[in-house]
N, C-alpha and C. Protein backbone atom coordinates (compact mmCIF):
# COMPACT_ATOMS: atom_id res chain seq x y z
N MET A 1 -15.33 -0.66 7.55
CA MET A 1 -14.31 0.14 6.91
C MET A 1 -13.06 -0.70 6.60
N LYS A 2 -12.75 -1.67 7.45
CA LYS A 2 -11.55 -2.48 7.22
C LYS A 2 -11.62 -3.28 5.92
N PRO A 3 -12.76 -3.87 5.56
CA PRO A 3 -12.79 -4.61 4.29
C PRO A 3 -12.51 -3.71 3.09
N LEU A 4 -13.00 -2.49 3.12
CA LEU A 4 -12.76 -1.56 2.03
C LEU A 4 -11.28 -1.17 1.96
N ARG A 5 -10.69 -0.92 3.11
CA ARG A 5 -9.26 -0.59 3.17
C ARG A 5 -8.42 -1.77 2.67
N ALA A 6 -8.80 -2.96 3.06
CA ALA A 6 -8.07 -4.16 2.61
C ALA A 6 -8.20 -4.34 1.11
N TYR A 7 -9.39 -4.06 0.57
CA TYR A 7 -9.59 -4.18 -0.88
C TYR A 7 -8.66 -3.25 -1.63
N TRP A 8 -8.62 -1.97 -1.23
CA TRP A 8 -7.78 -1.00 -1.94
C TRP A 8 -6.30 -1.29 -1.71
N SER A 9 -5.94 -1.82 -0.57
CA SER A 9 -4.54 -2.21 -0.33
C SER A 9 -4.14 -3.32 -1.29
N ARG A 10 -5.02 -4.29 -1.48
CA ARG A 10 -4.73 -5.37 -2.44
C ARG A 10 -4.62 -4.82 -3.86
N GLN A 11 -5.48 -3.87 -4.19
CA GLN A 11 -5.43 -3.29 -5.54
C GLN A 11 -4.13 -2.54 -5.77
N LEU A 12 -3.63 -1.87 -4.76
CA LEU A 12 -2.36 -1.15 -4.90
C LEU A 12 -1.19 -2.11 -5.05
N SER A 13 -1.26 -3.26 -4.41
CA SER A 13 -0.15 -4.21 -4.50
C SER A 13 -0.23 -5.09 -5.74
N HIS A 14 -1.44 -5.38 -6.20
CA HIS A 14 -1.61 -6.24 -7.38
C HIS A 14 -2.93 -5.87 -8.06
N PRO A 15 -2.93 -4.80 -8.87
CA PRO A 15 -4.17 -4.32 -9.48
C PRO A 15 -4.84 -5.38 -10.36
N SER A 16 -6.16 -5.49 -10.22
CA SER A 16 -6.93 -6.39 -11.08
C SER A 16 -8.38 -5.92 -11.09
N GLY A 17 -9.10 -6.27 -12.16
CA GLY A 17 -10.52 -5.93 -12.25
C GLY A 17 -10.75 -4.44 -12.38
N TRP A 18 -12.01 -4.02 -12.11
CA TRP A 18 -12.36 -2.61 -12.27
C TRP A 18 -11.60 -1.73 -11.30
N GLY A 19 -11.38 -2.20 -10.09
CA GLY A 19 -10.62 -1.42 -9.10
C GLY A 19 -9.18 -1.23 -9.53
N GLY A 20 -8.62 -2.26 -10.13
CA GLY A 20 -7.25 -2.18 -10.62
C GLY A 20 -7.12 -1.18 -11.75
N ARG A 21 -8.11 -1.16 -12.65
CA ARG A 21 -8.07 -0.18 -13.74
C ARG A 21 -8.14 1.24 -13.20
N LEU A 22 -8.96 1.44 -12.18
CA LEU A 22 -9.06 2.76 -11.57
C LEU A 22 -7.74 3.15 -10.91
N ILE A 23 -7.17 2.24 -10.14
CA ILE A 23 -5.89 2.50 -9.47
C ILE A 23 -4.80 2.80 -10.49
N LEU A 24 -4.74 2.03 -11.57
CA LEU A 24 -3.70 2.26 -12.58
C LEU A 24 -3.83 3.63 -13.23
N ARG A 25 -5.06 4.06 -13.51
CA ARG A 25 -5.25 5.40 -14.07
C ARG A 25 -4.79 6.48 -13.09
N LEU A 26 -5.15 6.31 -11.84
CA LEU A 26 -4.74 7.30 -10.83
C LEU A 26 -3.23 7.34 -10.67
N LEU A 27 -2.60 6.17 -10.60
CA LEU A 27 -1.15 6.12 -10.44
C LEU A 27 -0.44 6.69 -11.66
N ASN A 28 -0.93 6.39 -12.86
CA ASN A 28 -0.32 6.94 -14.07
C ASN A 28 -0.39 8.46 -14.07
N ARG A 29 -1.54 8.99 -13.69
CA ARG A 29 -1.69 10.45 -13.67
C ARG A 29 -0.79 11.08 -12.61
N GLU A 30 -0.75 10.49 -11.43
CA GLU A 30 0.05 11.05 -10.34
C GLU A 30 1.55 10.95 -10.60
N ASN A 31 1.98 9.91 -11.31
CA ASN A 31 3.41 9.69 -11.54
C ASN A 31 3.92 10.32 -12.83
N ALA A 32 3.06 10.86 -13.67
CA ALA A 32 3.46 11.38 -14.98
C ALA A 32 4.53 12.47 -14.85
N GLY A 33 4.36 13.38 -13.93
CA GLY A 33 5.33 14.46 -13.76
C GLY A 33 6.70 13.95 -13.34
N MET A 34 6.72 13.04 -12.39
CA MET A 34 7.99 12.48 -11.92
C MET A 34 8.66 11.66 -13.02
N ASN A 35 7.87 10.94 -13.80
CA ASN A 35 8.44 10.17 -14.92
C ASN A 35 9.07 11.10 -15.95
N ALA A 36 8.42 12.22 -16.25
CA ALA A 36 8.96 13.18 -17.21
C ALA A 36 10.27 13.77 -16.71
N ILE A 37 10.33 14.09 -15.42
CA ILE A 37 11.56 14.62 -14.84
C ILE A 37 12.69 13.60 -14.97
N ALA A 38 12.40 12.35 -14.66
CA ALA A 38 13.42 11.29 -14.75
C ALA A 38 13.91 11.11 -16.18
N LEU A 39 12.99 11.09 -17.14
CA LEU A 39 13.39 10.93 -18.54
C LEU A 39 14.22 12.11 -19.02
N ASN A 40 13.86 13.32 -18.62
CA ASN A 40 14.66 14.49 -18.99
C ASN A 40 16.05 14.43 -18.37
N ALA A 41 16.13 13.99 -17.13
CA ALA A 41 17.42 13.90 -16.45
C ALA A 41 18.32 12.85 -17.10
N LEU A 42 17.72 11.79 -17.61
CA LEU A 42 18.49 10.73 -18.27
C LEU A 42 18.80 11.05 -19.73
N ALA A 43 18.19 12.10 -20.25
CA ALA A 43 18.35 12.51 -21.65
C ALA A 43 18.04 11.35 -22.60
N VAL A 44 16.93 10.67 -22.35
CA VAL A 44 16.51 9.55 -23.17
C VAL A 44 16.05 10.07 -24.53
N GLN A 45 16.55 9.44 -25.59
CA GLN A 45 16.19 9.82 -26.96
C GLN A 45 15.32 8.73 -27.57
N PRO A 46 14.39 9.12 -28.45
CA PRO A 46 13.57 8.10 -29.11
C PRO A 46 14.41 7.18 -30.00
N GLY A 47 13.94 5.96 -30.15
CA GLY A 47 14.62 5.01 -31.04
C GLY A 47 15.54 4.19 -30.30
C-alpha cells in the first residue's frame, strides 16, 4: 500500500504521465466552484 500512496503523493506534488492527467482533471473539477467564487469576488472582466 505504501508504494501506491507514495505514487499518488508524487503526482499531487508534481503531476506527470497518465496519473498526472487524472489528478489534474480531478483537481480542476474539485476547484472549479472555488475558482468561480474568487473570480466573482474580484469582479474580473474579460479582456
